[in-house]
Amino acid sequence: MDELWRQINANRIAADTLRLIRIASPTGDTREMADAYESMLAEAGCTIERYEFIPDNPTLVASFGDDRSGSGKTIIFNGHMDVVPLEHEPARVEEGIIHGRGACDMKGSLACIVEVLRVLQESGTQLSGKLIIIANSLHESPGGRGEDLAALVERVNLRADAAVVMEGARYDCTVAQLGSATFEIEIRREGEPTHQLYTAPGTPHPITVAAEVVRRLNEMNLVLEQDYIEDTGYASYFVGSLHSGQFYNQHPNRAEIVGVRRYNPQVSFDEVERELRGVLAEIAEQYRVNIELDLRKVRDGYRIDKNDPAVSALLEAVRKVRNIELPLVGKKVVVDACFFVNGLGIPTVCHGPDQSSSHGDKEFADLLDLKQTAQVYMQFIHEYMSQ
């Protein structure tokens, strides 16, 4: 199996990727996409369980290989079927580049693992273990926050020795990730909006209060910047939007702040929420306003052992296929590895095609990159099961 990666067929990856891209699958309804991908997995020799923990958002769990002895290793490959709800020009291949929504995020990766299974099936390779392919539907926030994967981990007895999330790490090996949560802060005073000149003295001004909230968040960032998180950087508060008022001389009665909190893998979401609620309560009391907080977890952070066999297997596979050395890094970007690491105790690495165009107006994937991604998956299976 050591040279089986050379049998990966780029044309078949391109055809499968285009087929999947042409199926609309915005977060919230991936039924048609799941139907097509389930058919692909079945044709490649998988037995498939289909769950629908959240209506209209199937989760596929496909098994390949028959480890009857139970002594072999099991590897999970995971990818999401949903895409961001942004319009895109029609799917096409042009000069070795596949264009279309989901090309790199991440229907191309889903096509890559199907090609790996197809080559294994056609070659008659008998694995010394088993592969599990999990395709989930609720990844892209704010519409999805991994709810279906969370339900899968809680309700289905899944066991594996290692997992690969098929995105988020083309040029490095992820060993840690920060937790992420979005926040919406609403500041409201009593009464209706009023003319500036007919507003009673001492009436709280939501814009002033919002400015104090931002000041306090920046102050908290200075504290967070004193605590370097190994491989990753620093936790933070980030304000992406602040809105209040509708007219130049109208005294508003509300303000809204929206942003993201990124936190240390060793810190729980509950701790993050208590901290922020405490600060907002102080400000609300000081300015005599009501402040509501809607803090929603996107993903928890995680960390894996840098010396885990899954890490060494990925490094060796990439070294052989791509002829590059991957640095070990921590990430702030969100992937679904936390569900396998935290929820199931499975060491999880990430690898996929270049995602620099994901969520952009023009999303694309280099076909050679996709071919090499599939080759890395094939070689990873060999390296890990041979250890």
Protein backbone atom coordinates (compact mmCIF):
# COMPACT_ATOMS: atom_id res chain seq x y z
CA MET A 1 0.00 0.00 0.00
CA ASP A 2 3.03 2.27 0.33
CA GLU A 3 2.80 3.44 -3.29
CA LEU A 4 -0.98 3.28 -3.69
CA TRP A 5 -1.24 7.06 -3.45
CA ARG A 6 0.18 7.27 -6.98
CA GLN A 7 -3.03 5.72 -8.35
CA ILE A 8 -5.19 8.67 -7.33
CA ASN A 9 -7.07 9.97 -10.39
CA ALA A 10 -7.42 13.76 -10.60
CA ASN A 11 -10.07 13.63 -13.34
CA ARG A 12 -12.40 11.61 -11.14
CA ILE A 13 -11.86 14.04 -8.26
CA ALA A 14 -12.74 16.92 -10.59
CA ALA A 15 -15.92 15.20 -11.80
CA ASP A 16 -17.07 14.39 -8.27
CA THR A 17 -16.26 17.88 -7.00
CA LEU A 18 -18.23 19.51 -9.82
CA ARG A 19 -21.18 17.19 -9.19
CA LEU A 20 -21.27 18.19 -5.53
CA ILE A 21 -20.74 21.90 -6.17
CA ARG A 22 -23.71 21.98 -8.54
CA ILE A 23 -25.98 20.90 -5.69
CA ALA A 24 -27.04 23.84 -3.55
CA SER A 25 -26.40 23.06 0.12
CA PRO A 26 -26.51 26.26 2.21
CA THR A 27 -26.38 25.71 5.94
CA GLY A 28 -29.85 24.68 7.05
CA ASP A 29 -30.83 22.26 4.28
CA THR A 30 -28.33 19.74 2.91
CA ARG A 31 -30.73 16.91 2.04
CA GLU A 32 -30.04 16.85 -1.69
CA MET A 33 -26.31 17.09 -1.12
CA ALA A 34 -26.47 14.25 1.41
CA ASP A 35 -28.39 12.10 -1.08
CA ALA A 36 -25.69 12.56 -3.71
CA TYR A 37 -22.79 12.04 -1.32
CA GLU A 38 -24.39 8.96 0.20
CA SER A 39 -24.66 7.50 -3.31
CA MET A 40 -20.96 8.23 -3.96
CA LEU A 41 -19.90 6.56 -0.72
CA ALA A 42 -22.04 3.50 -1.44
CA GLU A 43 -20.55 3.15 -4.94
CA ALA A 44 -17.08 3.30 -3.37
CA GLY A 45 -17.86 0.28 -1.16
CA CYS A 46 -19.15 1.81 2.07
CA THR A 47 -21.96 0.77 4.34
CA ILE A 48 -23.77 3.89 5.53
CA GLU A 49 -25.83 4.99 8.49
CA ARG A 50 -27.84 8.15 7.94
CA TYR A 51 -29.01 10.28 10.88
CA GLU A 52 -31.11 13.42 10.98
CA PHE A 53 -30.77 14.81 14.48
CA ILE A 54 -31.75 18.25 13.19
CA PRO A 55 -34.50 18.36 10.50
CA ASP A 56 -33.25 18.82 6.92
CA ASN A 57 -29.62 18.40 8.00
CA PRO A 58 -28.49 14.78 7.61
CA THR A 59 -25.33 13.35 9.10
CA LEU A 60 -23.73 10.46 7.20
CA VAL A 61 -21.54 7.85 8.91
CA ALA A 62 -19.97 5.54 6.33
CA SER A 63 -17.77 2.53 7.12
CA PHE A 64 -15.15 1.05 4.80
CA GLY A 65 -13.18 -2.11 5.56
CA ASP A 66 -13.95 -5.11 7.71
CA ASP A 67 -11.76 -5.36 10.77
CA ARG A 68 -13.30 -8.56 12.10
CA SER A 69 -10.42 -9.30 14.44
CA GLY A 70 -10.83 -5.96 16.14
CA SER A 71 -7.06 -5.63 16.37
CA GLY A 72 -6.66 -3.09 13.56
CA LYS A 73 -6.83 0.69 13.80
CA THR A 74 -9.85 2.80 12.96
CA ILE A 75 -9.49 6.23 11.35
CA ILE A 76 -12.25 8.82 11.00
CA PHE A 77 -12.25 11.23 8.06
CA ASN A 78 -14.62 14.15 8.58
CA GLY A 79 -15.98 16.87 6.33
CA HIS A 80 -19.01 19.15 6.17
CA MET A 81 -21.55 19.24 3.36
CA ASP A 82 -22.92 22.74 3.91
CA VAL A 83 -21.57 25.92 2.35
CA VAL A 84 -21.87 29.61 3.19
CA PRO A 85 -25.06 31.14 1.72
CA LEU A 86 -23.31 33.41 -0.78
CA GLU A 87 -24.13 33.53 -4.47
CA HIS A 88 -21.49 32.25 -6.88
CA GLU A 89 -21.02 31.95 -10.60
CA PRO A 90 -21.70 28.49 -12.13
CA ALA A 91 -19.29 25.65 -11.39
CA ARG A 92 -16.64 24.97 -14.00
CA VAL A 93 -13.08 23.76 -14.56
CA GLU A 94 -10.77 26.21 -16.26
CA GLU A 95 -7.01 25.78 -16.75
CA GLY A 96 -6.75 23.26 -13.94
CA ILE A 97 -8.82 25.31 -11.47
CA ILE A 98 -12.26 24.24 -10.22
CA HIS A 99 -14.54 27.23 -9.62
CA GLY A 100 -17.73 27.17 -7.58
CA ARG A 101 -19.19 27.53 -4.10
CA GLY A 102 -17.74 24.73 -2.00
CA ALA A 103 -14.77 24.00 -4.28
CA CYS A 104 -12.30 24.30 -1.40
CA ASP A 105 -14.72 24.60 1.54
CA MET A 106 -15.17 21.72 1.43
CA LYS A 107 -16.77 19.64 -1.30
CA GLY A 108 -13.37 19.15 -2.91
CA SER A 109 -12.15 17.35 0.21
CA LEU A 110 -15.27 15.20 0.31
CA ALA A 111 -14.53 14.18 -3.27
CA CYS A 112 -10.89 13.44 -2.33
CA ILE A 113 -11.78 10.83 0.29
CA VAL A 114 -14.25 9.18 -2.12
CA GLU A 115 -11.38 8.80 -4.61
CA VAL A 116 -9.23 7.23 -1.88
CA LEU A 117 -11.97 4.69 -1.16
CA ARG A 118 -12.42 4.03 -4.88
CA VAL A 119 -8.72 3.29 -5.35
CA LEU A 120 -8.69 1.01 -2.31
CA GLN A 121 -11.73 -0.84 -3.67
CA GLU A 122 -10.41 -1.17 -7.22
CA SER A 123 -6.99 -2.35 -6.06
CA GLY A 124 -8.48 -4.99 -3.78
CA THR A 125 -6.44 -3.65 -0.87
CA GLN A 126 -7.25 -5.31 2.44
CA LEU A 127 -6.86 -2.76 5.19
CA SER A 128 -5.53 -3.84 8.54
CA GLY A 129 -8.20 -1.68 10.11
CA LYS A 130 -11.29 0.34 9.24
CA LEU A 131 -12.15 3.78 7.86
CA ILE A 132 -15.14 5.84 8.96
CA ILE A 133 -16.24 8.82 6.87
CA ILE A 134 -18.46 11.32 8.69
CA ALA A 135 -20.18 14.01 6.62
CA ASN A 136 -22.02 16.61 8.69
CA SER A 137 -24.35 19.45 7.78
CA LEU A 138 -24.22 22.25 10.34
CA HIS A 139 -20.72 23.71 10.18
CA GLU A 140 -20.89 27.22 8.77
CA SER A 141 -21.80 29.72 11.48
CA PRO A 142 -23.92 31.58 12.29
CA GLY A 143 -26.37 29.13 10.71
CA GLY A 144 -24.50 26.12 12.00
CA ARG A 145 -22.41 25.57 15.09
CA GLY A 146 -21.76 21.84 14.85
CA GLU A 147 -25.11 20.88 16.38
CA ASP A 148 -25.37 17.67 14.38
CA LEU A 149 -21.83 16.57 15.25
CA ALA A 150 -22.49 17.31 18.90
CA ALA A 151 -25.63 15.15 18.73
CA LEU A 152 -23.74 12.38 16.94
CA VAL A 153 -21.03 12.31 19.59
CA GLU A 154 -23.62 12.19 22.37
CA ARG A 155 -26.00 9.61 20.88
CA VAL A 156 -23.95 7.24 18.72
CA ASN A 157 -21.25 4.88 19.95
CA LEU A 158 -18.28 6.00 17.86
CA ARG A 159 -14.80 4.66 18.44
CA ALA A 160 -11.60 5.39 16.56
CA ASP A 161 -7.87 5.62 17.12
CA ALA A 162 -7.37 8.80 15.10
CA ALA A 163 -9.33 11.32 13.05
CA VAL A 164 -8.63 13.66 10.16
CA VAL A 165 -10.73 16.79 9.64
CA MET A 166 -10.35 17.42 5.94
CA GLU A 167 -9.89 21.19 5.97
CA GLY A 168 -8.05 24.04 7.56
CA ALA A 169 -4.40 22.99 7.30
CA ARG A 170 -2.70 22.91 3.90
CA TYR A 171 0.62 24.32 5.03
CA ASP A 172 0.87 23.24 8.66
CA CYS A 173 -0.18 20.63 11.21
CA THR A 174 -2.76 21.85 13.71
CA VAL A 175 -2.13 20.68 17.29
CA ALA A 176 -4.36 23.22 19.08
CA GLN A 177 -7.26 25.56 18.45
CA LEU A 178 -8.78 28.43 20.38
CA GLY A 179 -12.39 28.30 21.47
CA SER A 180 -14.74 30.74 19.77
CA ALA A 181 -18.04 32.37 20.75
CA THR A 182 -20.07 35.16 19.17
CA PHE A 183 -21.63 37.88 21.30
CA GLU A 184 -24.51 40.30 20.80
CA ILE A 185 -24.80 42.98 23.46
CA GLU A 186 -27.94 45.11 23.58
CA ILE A 187 -27.94 48.31 25.66
CA ARG A 188 -31.35 49.81 26.35
CA ARG A 189 -32.54 52.77 28.43
CA GLU A 190 -36.10 53.44 29.55
CA GLY A 191 -38.32 55.49 27.26
CA GLU A 192 -38.53 56.16 23.55
CA PRO A 193 -35.97 57.94 21.33
CA THR A 194 -36.21 61.70 21.87
CA HIS A 195 -35.04 64.98 20.36
CA GLN A 196 -31.67 65.92 21.80
CA LEU A 197 -32.95 69.27 23.10
CA TYR A 198 -36.07 67.78 24.71
CA THR A 199 -34.30 64.99 26.53
CA ALA A 200 -34.23 65.25 30.32
CA PRO A 201 -30.79 65.98 31.79
CA GLY A 202 -29.08 62.87 33.09
CA THR A 203 -30.88 60.54 30.68
CA PRO A 204 -28.51 57.65 29.91
CA HIS A 205 -27.03 57.78 26.41
CA PRO A 206 -26.70 54.27 24.88
CA ILE A 207 -23.83 55.39 22.64
CA THR A 208 -21.86 56.54 25.66
CA VAL A 209 -22.56 53.24 27.36
CA ALA A 210 -21.51 51.34 24.24
CA ALA A 211 -18.26 53.28 24.20
CA GLU A 212 -17.65 52.23 27.80
CA VAL A 213 -18.31 48.59 26.90
CA VAL A 214 -15.78 48.79 24.07
CA ARG A 215 -13.29 50.49 26.37
CA ARG A 216 -13.65 47.72 28.94
CA LEU A 217 -13.28 45.01 26.29
CA ASN A 218 -10.08 46.65 25.06
CA GLU A 219 -8.88 46.83 28.64
CA MET A 220 -9.59 43.11 29.04
CA ASN A 221 -7.65 42.43 25.85
CA LEU A 222 -4.58 43.98 27.44
CA VAL A 223 -4.90 41.47 30.28
CA LEU A 224 -5.40 38.57 27.86
CA GLU A 225 -2.28 39.63 25.98
CA GLN A 226 -0.24 38.88 29.09
CA ASP A 227 -1.05 35.17 28.76
CA TYR A 228 0.58 33.62 25.69
CA ILE A 229 -1.14 30.40 24.57
CA GLU A 230 1.43 27.88 23.37
CA ASP A 231 1.66 27.62 19.56
CA THR A 232 -1.39 29.83 19.10
CA GLY A 233 -1.11 33.41 20.32
CA TYR A 234 -3.59 35.21 22.55
CA ALA A 235 -7.24 35.04 23.50
CA SER A 236 -9.24 38.15 22.62
CA TYR A 237 -12.43 40.15 22.36
CA PHE A 238 -13.15 41.59 18.92
CA VAL A 239 -15.92 44.08 18.09
CA GLY A 240 -17.08 43.76 14.51
CA SER A 241 -20.17 45.97 14.59
CA LEU A 242 -21.56 48.78 16.76
CA HIS A 243 -24.85 50.45 15.92
CA SER A 244 -27.02 53.06 17.59
CA GLY A 245 -29.21 55.98 16.62
CA GLN A 246 -31.00 56.94 13.41
CA PHE A 247 -30.72 60.72 13.18
CA TYR A 248 -28.12 63.35 14.02
CA ASN A 249 -30.04 65.04 16.84
CA GLN A 250 -32.14 62.14 18.09
CA HIS A 251 -31.24 60.73 21.50
CA PRO A 252 -31.42 56.94 20.94
CA ASN A 253 -32.83 54.46 23.43
CA ARG A 254 -30.71 51.46 22.42
CA ALA A 255 -27.34 50.39 21.05
CA GLU A 256 -26.05 47.04 19.83
CA ILE A 257 -22.53 45.63 19.81
CA VAL A 258 -21.65 42.44 17.92
CA GLY A 259 -18.35 40.58 17.99
CA VAL A 260 -16.41 37.44 18.77
CA ARG A 261 -14.60 36.11 21.83
CA ARG A 262 -11.71 33.71 21.25
CA TYR A 263 -10.58 31.82 24.32
CA ASN A 264 -7.89 29.49 25.66
CA PRO A 265 -8.54 25.74 25.16
CA GLN A 266 -8.05 25.37 28.92
CA VAL A 267 -10.85 27.85 29.64
CA SER A 268 -14.48 26.69 29.51
CA PHE A 269 -17.30 28.47 27.74
CA ASP A 270 -19.06 28.86 31.08
CA GLU A 271 -16.06 30.73 32.49
CA VAL A 272 -16.02 33.02 29.46
CA GLU A 273 -19.71 33.76 29.86
CA ARG A 274 -19.45 34.50 33.61
CA GLU A 275 -16.59 36.92 33.00
CA LEU A 276 -18.41 38.93 30.35
CA ARG A 277 -21.73 38.98 32.20
CA GLY A 278 -19.94 40.29 35.29
CA VAL A 279 -18.39 43.21 33.41
CA LEU A 280 -21.66 44.12 31.69
CA ALA A 281 -23.54 44.01 35.01
CA GLU A 282 -21.10 46.55 36.46
CA ILE A 283 -21.56 48.89 33.50
CA ALA A 284 -25.36 48.53 33.55
CA GLU A 285 -25.45 49.51 37.21
CA GLN A 286 -23.08 52.42 36.70
CA TYR A 287 -25.08 53.95 33.83
CA ARG A 288 -28.58 52.90 34.95
CA VAL A 289 -29.39 50.99 31.78
CA ASN A 290 -30.42 47.46 30.91
CA ILE A 291 -27.76 45.36 29.15
CA GLU A 292 -28.65 42.00 27.59
CA LEU A 293 -26.01 39.52 26.45
CA ASP A 294 -26.51 36.78 23.87
CA LEU A 295 -23.27 34.76 23.94
CA ARG A 296 -23.24 31.68 21.72
CA LYS A 297 -20.53 29.08 21.49
CA VAL A 298 -19.17 28.41 18.01
CA ARG A 299 -16.68 25.73 19.04
CA ASP A 300 -14.63 24.93 22.13
CA GLY A 301 -10.87 24.88 21.83
CA TYR A 302 -8.72 21.79 22.04
CA ARG A 303 -5.12 20.56 22.14
CA ILE A 304 -3.53 17.24 21.14
CA ASP A 305 -0.19 15.68 22.03
CA LYS A 306 2.46 16.75 19.52
CA ASN A 307 4.00 13.28 19.82
CA ASP A 308 0.79 11.42 18.96
CA PRO A 309 1.13 8.84 16.17
CA ALA A 310 -1.50 10.70 14.13
CA VAL A 311 0.78 13.75 14.02
CA SER A 312 3.82 11.78 12.91
CA ALA A 313 1.75 9.91 10.30
CA LEU A 314 0.49 13.16 8.79
CA LEU A 315 3.93 14.74 8.74
CA GLU A 316 5.37 11.70 6.97
CA ALA A 317 2.50 11.48 4.48
CA VAL A 318 2.85 15.15 3.51
CA ARG A 319 6.61 14.82 3.35
CA LYS A 320 6.29 11.95 0.88
CA VAL A 321 3.48 13.36 -1.28
CA ARG A 322 4.00 17.11 -1.20
CA ASN A 323 7.71 17.07 -0.38
CA ILE A 324 7.32 19.73 2.32
CA GLU A 325 7.79 19.85 6.08
CA LEU A 326 4.77 20.90 8.10
CA PRO A 327 5.30 23.07 11.19
CA LEU A 328 3.23 22.26 14.28
CA VAL A 329 0.92 25.19 15.03
CA GLY A 330 -2.11 26.32 16.99
CA LYS A 331 -5.03 27.97 15.20
CA LYS A 332 -7.66 30.57 15.88
CA VAL A 333 -9.83 29.56 12.93
CA VAL A 334 -12.73 27.21 13.70
CA VAL A 335 -12.80 23.57 12.57
CA ASP A 336 -14.75 20.58 13.86
CA ALA A 337 -11.82 18.70 15.39
CA CYS A 338 -12.92 19.71 18.90
CA PHE A 339 -15.87 17.32 18.77
CA PHE A 340 -13.59 14.33 18.27
CA VAL A 341 -10.84 15.48 20.64
CA ASN A 342 -13.02 16.74 23.50
CA GLY A 343 -16.11 14.62 22.98
CA LEU A 344 -14.55 11.26 22.12
CA GLY A 345 -10.92 11.54 23.19
CA ILE A 346 -9.72 10.88 19.63
CA PRO A 347 -6.42 12.52 18.56
CA THR A 348 -7.38 14.59 15.52
CA VAL A 349 -5.31 16.28 12.83
CA CYS A 350 -6.43 18.52 9.99
CA HIS A 351 -5.46 18.54 6.33
CA GLY A 352 -7.10 19.80 3.16
CA PRO A 353 -6.59 21.94 0.06
CA ASP A 354 -5.68 25.62 0.18
CA GLN A 355 -8.71 27.49 1.58
CA SER A 356 -7.63 31.06 0.93
CA SER A 357 -10.64 31.63 -1.36
CA SER A 358 -13.23 30.15 1.00
CA HIS A 359 -16.15 32.49 1.83
CA GLY A 360 -14.96 34.78 -0.96
CA ASP A 361 -16.92 36.06 -3.93
CA LYS A 362 -14.96 33.67 -6.14
CA GLU A 363 -14.19 30.34 -4.49
CA PHE A 364 -11.88 27.91 -6.24
CA ALA A 365 -9.59 24.93 -5.78
CA ASP A 366 -6.51 23.92 -7.73
CA LEU A 367 -7.03 20.44 -9.16
CA LEU A 368 -3.40 19.46 -8.54
CA ASP A 369 -3.85 20.55 -4.92
CA LEU A 370 -6.95 18.35 -4.62
CA LYS A 371 -5.11 15.41 -6.15
CA GLN A 372 -2.26 15.80 -3.67
CA THR A 373 -4.77 16.13 -0.82
CA ALA A 374 -6.26 12.77 -1.74
CA GLN A 375 -2.77 11.31 -2.04
CA VAL A 376 -1.95 12.56 1.46
CA TYR A 377 -5.09 10.88 2.82
CA MET A 378 -4.11 7.61 1.19
CA GLN A 379 -0.57 7.77 2.49
CA PHE A 380 -1.76 8.82 5.96
CA ILE A 381 -3.84 5.64 6.13
CA HIS A 382 -0.76 3.59 5.25
CA GLU A 383 1.54 5.41 7.66
CA TYR A 384 -0.89 5.29 10.58
CA MET A 385 -2.03 1.69 10.17
CA SER A 386 1.58 0.54 9.73
CA GLN A 387 2.75 1.95 13.06
